[in-house]
Amino acid sequence: MAQSAIRYAKQTRYIQDAQLGRGIHCIFKVVDGIRSVELIEYEWLLNALNEWWSDFEDMPPGLKDIELDKWLTDVNRKDYFYSILIKAREKCDESLKEEISKFIEVLHN
């Protein structure tokens, strides 16, 4: 099964493409549950999720990479995304916890 990369600050973790789609969906569900007032400030995250989903659907297997450097341009964005990932890992299916953890690991290595 094809794998794609999650990259941030020259760190890389690999994730199976099928799990990547499920992981993006899990993260989106957390973001979708946040108050709309807060999301105005974090519109960049909605744009990122939209781009990641488009790449997931449009790119060939093994090339569905998530490039976090483009979106996590300052410590506030990184910290906010980290908090979203923690919530996603808590709420996702048991089978996805390890995959969501790959996003977290790439932020903190």
N, C-alpha and C. Protein backbone atom coordinates (compact mmCIF):
# COMPACT_ATOMS: atom_id res chain seq x y z
N MET A 1 0.84 -1.18 0.00
CA MET A 1 0.00 0.00 0.00
C MET A 1 0.89 1.24 0.00
N ALA A 2 0.51 2.24 -0.78
CA ALA A 2 1.30 3.45 -0.93
C ALA A 2 1.31 4.28 0.35
N GLN A 3 2.43 4.95 0.57
CA GLN A 3 2.57 5.84 1.71
C GLN A 3 2.92 7.23 1.23
N SER A 4 2.45 8.22 1.96
CA SER A 4 2.79 9.61 1.69
C SER A 4 3.42 10.19 2.94
N ALA A 5 4.00 11.38 2.79
CA ALA A 5 4.77 11.99 3.88
C ALA A 5 3.99 13.10 4.57
N ILE A 6 4.29 13.25 5.85
CA ILE A 6 3.90 14.41 6.63
C ILE A 6 5.22 15.09 6.98
N ARG A 7 5.40 16.35 6.55
CA ARG A 7 6.68 17.02 6.74
C ARG A 7 6.52 18.33 7.50
N TYR A 8 7.50 18.57 8.37
CA TYR A 8 7.59 19.86 9.07
C TYR A 8 9.01 20.05 9.55
N ALA A 9 9.58 21.20 9.25
CA ALA A 9 10.91 21.60 9.73
C ALA A 9 11.94 20.48 9.52
N LYS A 10 11.99 19.97 8.32
CA LYS A 10 12.94 18.93 7.92
C LYS A 10 12.73 17.60 8.63
N GLN A 11 11.59 17.42 9.27
CA GLN A 11 11.22 16.15 9.88
C GLN A 11 10.15 15.50 9.00
N THR A 12 10.19 14.19 8.91
CA THR A 12 9.23 13.47 8.07
C THR A 12 8.74 12.23 8.78
N ARG A 13 7.44 11.99 8.68
CA ARG A 13 6.82 10.73 9.09
C ARG A 13 6.01 10.26 7.89
N TYR A 14 5.90 8.94 7.75
CA TYR A 14 5.15 8.37 6.63
C TYR A 14 3.86 7.75 7.14
N ILE A 15 2.84 7.85 6.30
CA ILE A 15 1.52 7.37 6.64
C ILE A 15 0.91 6.71 5.41
N GLN A 16 0.23 5.60 5.60
CA GLN A 16 -0.44 4.96 4.47
C GLN A 16 -1.50 5.91 3.93
N ASP A 17 -1.62 5.94 2.62
CA ASP A 17 -2.55 6.87 1.98
C ASP A 17 -3.98 6.73 2.50
N ALA A 18 -4.44 5.51 2.67
CA ALA A 18 -5.82 5.30 3.14
C ALA A 18 -6.00 5.90 4.54
N GLN A 19 -5.01 5.73 5.39
CA GLN A 19 -5.08 6.28 6.74
C GLN A 19 -4.96 7.80 6.73
N LEU A 20 -4.22 8.34 5.79
CA LEU A 20 -4.07 9.78 5.67
C LEU A 20 -5.43 10.43 5.44
N GLY A 21 -6.20 9.88 4.53
CA GLY A 21 -7.54 10.43 4.26
C GLY A 21 -8.42 10.39 5.49
N ARG A 22 -8.37 9.28 6.21
CA ARG A 22 -9.16 9.16 7.44
C ARG A 22 -8.67 10.15 8.50
N GLY A 23 -7.35 10.35 8.56
CA GLY A 23 -6.77 11.29 9.51
C GLY A 23 -7.18 12.73 9.22
N ILE A 24 -7.11 13.13 7.96
CA ILE A 24 -7.54 14.48 7.57
C ILE A 24 -9.01 14.68 7.94
N HIS A 25 -9.82 13.66 7.69
CA HIS A 25 -11.24 13.76 8.01
C HIS A 25 -11.44 13.91 9.52
N CYS A 26 -10.71 13.19 10.31
CA CYS A 26 -10.80 13.28 11.77
C CYS A 26 -10.42 14.68 12.25
N ILE A 27 -9.33 15.22 11.70
CA ILE A 27 -8.91 16.58 12.06
C ILE A 27 -9.98 17.59 11.67
N PHE A 28 -10.55 17.41 10.47
CA PHE A 28 -11.61 18.32 10.02
C PHE A 28 -12.81 18.29 10.97
N LYS A 29 -13.19 17.12 11.44
CA LYS A 29 -14.35 17.03 12.34
C LYS A 29 -14.10 17.82 13.61
N VAL A 30 -12.88 17.82 14.13
CA VAL A 30 -12.57 18.62 15.31
C VAL A 30 -12.67 20.10 14.98
N VAL A 31 -12.08 20.51 13.88
CA VAL A 31 -12.11 21.92 13.48
C VAL A 31 -13.55 22.36 13.21
N ASP A 32 -14.33 21.49 12.60
CA ASP A 32 -15.73 21.81 12.28
C ASP A 32 -16.56 22.04 13.55
N GLY A 33 -16.15 21.44 14.65
CA GLY A 33 -16.88 21.59 15.90
C GLY A 33 -16.51 22.83 16.70
N ILE A 34 -15.55 23.59 16.22
CA ILE A 34 -15.11 24.80 16.93
C ILE A 34 -16.05 25.95 16.59
N ARG A 35 -16.23 26.81 17.55
CA ARG A 35 -17.10 27.99 17.33
C ARG A 35 -16.65 28.78 16.11
N SER A 36 -17.58 29.26 15.36
CA SER A 36 -17.26 29.99 14.13
C SER A 36 -16.50 31.29 14.42
N VAL A 37 -16.70 31.90 15.57
CA VAL A 37 -15.98 33.13 15.92
C VAL A 37 -14.48 32.85 15.99
N GLU A 38 -14.11 31.75 16.61
CA GLU A 38 -12.70 31.39 16.72
C GLU A 38 -12.10 31.07 15.36
N LEU A 39 -12.88 30.49 14.49
CA LEU A 39 -12.35 30.08 13.19
C LEU A 39 -12.04 31.25 12.29
N ILE A 40 -12.64 32.40 12.52
CA ILE A 40 -12.30 33.57 11.71
C ILE A 40 -10.80 33.86 11.85
N GLU A 41 -10.29 33.75 13.06
CA GLU A 41 -8.87 33.98 13.31
C GLU A 41 -8.02 32.86 12.72
N TYR A 42 -8.58 31.67 12.61
CA TYR A 42 -7.83 30.51 12.16
C TYR A 42 -8.30 30.00 10.80
N GLU A 43 -8.69 30.93 9.96
CA GLU A 43 -9.14 30.57 8.62
C GLU A 43 -8.03 29.84 7.84
N TRP A 44 -6.79 30.13 8.17
CA TRP A 44 -5.67 29.46 7.51
C TRP A 44 -5.78 27.95 7.66
N LEU A 45 -6.30 27.48 8.82
CA LEU A 45 -6.41 26.04 9.05
C LEU A 45 -7.46 25.43 8.14
N LEU A 46 -8.56 26.11 7.94
CA LEU A 46 -9.56 25.62 6.99
C LEU A 46 -8.99 25.56 5.58
N ASN A 47 -8.22 26.57 5.21
CA ASN A 47 -7.57 26.56 3.89
C ASN A 47 -6.59 25.41 3.77
N ALA A 48 -5.83 25.15 4.84
CA ALA A 48 -4.88 24.04 4.83
C ALA A 48 -5.61 22.71 4.66
N LEU A 49 -6.65 22.51 5.45
CA LEU A 49 -7.42 21.26 5.36
C LEU A 49 -8.00 21.07 3.96
N ASN A 50 -8.48 22.14 3.39
CA ASN A 50 -9.03 22.08 2.03
C ASN A 50 -7.95 21.68 1.03
N GLU A 51 -6.77 22.26 1.17
CA GLU A 51 -5.67 21.91 0.25
C GLU A 51 -5.24 20.46 0.45
N TRP A 52 -5.12 20.03 1.71
CA TRP A 52 -4.70 18.66 1.99
C TRP A 52 -5.71 17.67 1.42
N TRP A 53 -7.00 17.98 1.57
CA TRP A 53 -8.02 17.07 1.06
C TRP A 53 -7.99 17.03 -0.47
N SER A 54 -7.82 18.20 -1.09
CA SER A 54 -7.72 18.25 -2.56
C SER A 54 -6.54 17.42 -3.05
N ASP A 55 -5.39 17.57 -2.39
CA ASP A 55 -4.22 16.78 -2.77
C ASP A 55 -4.49 15.30 -2.56
N PHE A 56 -5.16 14.97 -1.46
CA PHE A 56 -5.47 13.57 -1.18
C PHE A 56 -6.31 12.97 -2.30
N GLU A 57 -7.29 13.73 -2.76
CA GLU A 57 -8.17 13.23 -3.82
C GLU A 57 -7.51 13.25 -5.20
N ASP A 58 -6.66 14.24 -5.46
CA ASP A 58 -6.17 14.46 -6.82
C ASP A 58 -4.80 13.86 -7.12
N MET A 59 -3.98 13.69 -6.11
CA MET A 59 -2.61 13.23 -6.35
C MET A 59 -2.57 11.70 -6.42
N PRO A 60 -1.61 11.17 -7.17
CA PRO A 60 -1.48 9.71 -7.26
C PRO A 60 -0.96 9.12 -5.95
N PRO A 61 -1.16 7.82 -5.76
CA PRO A 61 -0.69 7.16 -4.54
C PRO A 61 0.79 7.44 -4.27
N GLY A 62 1.08 7.68 -3.01
CA GLY A 62 2.45 7.95 -2.60
C GLY A 62 2.90 9.39 -2.75
N LEU A 63 2.05 10.23 -3.34
CA LEU A 63 2.39 11.64 -3.54
C LEU A 63 1.37 12.58 -2.88
N LYS A 64 0.70 12.12 -1.88
CA LYS A 64 -0.34 12.90 -1.20
C LYS A 64 0.25 13.60 0.03
N ASP A 65 1.46 14.11 -0.11
CA ASP A 65 2.21 14.64 1.02
C ASP A 65 1.55 15.86 1.67
N ILE A 66 1.74 15.95 2.98
CA ILE A 66 1.27 17.08 3.78
C ILE A 66 2.50 17.91 4.13
N GLU A 67 2.56 19.12 3.65
CA GLU A 67 3.69 20.03 3.91
C GLU A 67 3.24 21.06 4.94
N LEU A 68 3.58 20.84 6.19
CA LEU A 68 3.12 21.70 7.27
C LEU A 68 3.85 23.05 7.32
N ASP A 69 5.07 23.12 6.82
CA ASP A 69 5.83 24.38 6.86
C ASP A 69 5.07 25.53 6.20
N LYS A 70 4.36 25.22 5.15
CA LYS A 70 3.61 26.25 4.43
C LYS A 70 2.55 26.90 5.33
N TRP A 71 2.00 26.15 6.26
CA TRP A 71 0.88 26.61 7.06
C TRP A 71 1.26 27.01 8.48
N LEU A 72 2.24 26.35 9.04
CA LEU A 72 2.63 26.63 10.43
C LEU A 72 3.78 27.63 10.42
N THR A 73 3.44 28.87 10.07
CA THR A 73 4.44 29.90 9.82
C THR A 73 4.89 30.64 11.08
N ASP A 74 4.24 30.42 12.21
CA ASP A 74 4.70 31.00 13.47
C ASP A 74 4.31 30.08 14.62
N VAL A 75 4.82 30.39 15.80
CA VAL A 75 4.61 29.51 16.95
C VAL A 75 3.13 29.44 17.34
N ASN A 76 2.37 30.50 17.13
CA ASN A 76 0.94 30.48 17.47
C ASN A 76 0.18 29.48 16.62
N ARG A 77 0.48 29.47 15.34
CA ARG A 77 -0.18 28.51 14.45
C ARG A 77 0.22 27.08 14.81
N LYS A 78 1.50 26.88 15.07
CA LYS A 78 1.97 25.54 15.44
C LYS A 78 1.29 25.07 16.72
N ASP A 79 1.23 25.93 17.72
CA ASP A 79 0.61 25.57 19.00
C ASP A 79 -0.89 25.28 18.82
N TYR A 80 -1.54 26.10 18.02
CA TYR A 80 -2.98 25.88 17.79
C TYR A 80 -3.21 24.56 17.07
N PHE A 81 -2.43 24.29 16.03
CA PHE A 81 -2.59 23.04 15.30
C PHE A 81 -2.29 21.86 16.22
N TYR A 82 -1.29 21.99 17.06
CA TYR A 82 -0.97 20.93 18.02
C TYR A 82 -2.19 20.65 18.91
N SER A 83 -2.84 21.70 19.39
CA SER A 83 -4.03 21.50 20.26
C SER A 83 -5.16 20.82 19.49
N ILE A 84 -5.30 21.12 18.22
CA ILE A 84 -6.31 20.46 17.38
C ILE A 84 -5.96 18.99 17.23
N LEU A 85 -4.69 18.68 17.02
CA LEU A 85 -4.27 17.29 16.87
C LEU A 85 -4.51 16.48 18.14
N ILE A 86 -4.26 17.07 19.29
CA ILE A 86 -4.51 16.38 20.56
C ILE A 86 -5.99 16.04 20.68
N LYS A 87 -6.85 17.00 20.35
CA LYS A 87 -8.30 16.75 20.40
C LYS A 87 -8.69 15.67 19.39
N ALA A 88 -8.11 15.74 18.20
CA ALA A 88 -8.43 14.74 17.16
C ALA A 88 -8.03 13.35 17.61
N ARG A 89 -6.85 13.24 18.21
CA ARG A 89 -6.39 11.93 18.68
C ARG A 89 -7.31 11.38 19.77
N GLU A 90 -7.83 12.24 20.62
CA GLU A 90 -8.75 11.81 21.67
C GLU A 90 -10.08 11.34 21.11
N LYS A 91 -10.53 11.96 20.02
CA LYS A 91 -11.87 11.69 19.50
C LYS A 91 -11.91 10.66 18.37
N CYS A 92 -10.78 10.36 17.78
CA CYS A 92 -10.80 9.46 16.61
C CYS A 92 -10.92 8.00 17.04
N ASP A 93 -11.20 7.17 16.05
CA ASP A 93 -11.22 5.72 16.27
C ASP A 93 -9.86 5.25 16.76
N GLU A 94 -9.89 4.19 17.52
CA GLU A 94 -8.64 3.61 18.06
C GLU A 94 -7.64 3.31 16.94
N SER A 95 -8.13 2.88 15.80
CA SER A 95 -7.25 2.52 14.69
C SER A 95 -6.53 3.73 14.09
N LEU A 96 -6.99 4.95 14.40
CA LEU A 96 -6.37 6.16 13.85
C LEU A 96 -5.45 6.87 14.83
N LYS A 97 -5.48 6.49 16.09
CA LYS A 97 -4.68 7.20 17.10
C LYS A 97 -3.19 7.24 16.73
N GLU A 98 -2.66 6.13 16.27
CA GLU A 98 -1.25 6.09 15.89
C GLU A 98 -0.97 7.00 14.69
N GLU A 99 -1.91 7.07 13.78
CA GLU A 99 -1.72 7.90 12.58
C GLU A 99 -1.77 9.39 12.94
N ILE A 100 -2.70 9.79 13.79
CA ILE A 100 -2.76 11.18 14.23
C ILE A 100 -1.50 11.51 15.02
N SER A 101 -0.98 10.54 15.76
CA SER A 101 0.26 10.75 16.52
C SER A 101 1.43 11.07 15.60
N LYS A 102 1.39 10.61 14.36
CA LYS A 102 2.47 10.91 13.42
C LYS A 102 2.52 12.40 13.12
N PHE A 103 1.36 13.04 13.02
CA PHE A 103 1.32 14.49 12.85
C PHE A 103 1.97 15.17 14.07
N ILE A 104 1.61 14.69 15.26
CA ILE A 104 2.14 15.28 16.50
C ILE A 104 3.65 15.08 16.58
N GLU A 105 4.12 13.87 16.26
CA GLU A 105 5.55 13.57 16.32
C GLU A 105 6.36 14.47 15.40
N VAL A 106 5.87 14.72 14.21
CA VAL A 106 6.62 15.52 13.27
C VAL A 106 6.73 16.97 13.76
N LEU A 107 5.81 17.42 14.57
CA LEU A 107 5.88 18.77 15.12
C LEU A 107 6.89 18.88 16.25
N HIS A 108 7.16 17.80 16.94
CA HIS A 108 7.97 17.88 18.15
C HIS A 108 9.28 17.11 18.08
N ASN A 109 9.79 16.86 16.93
CA ASN A 109 11.11 16.21 16.80
C ASN A 109 12.09 17.16 16.14
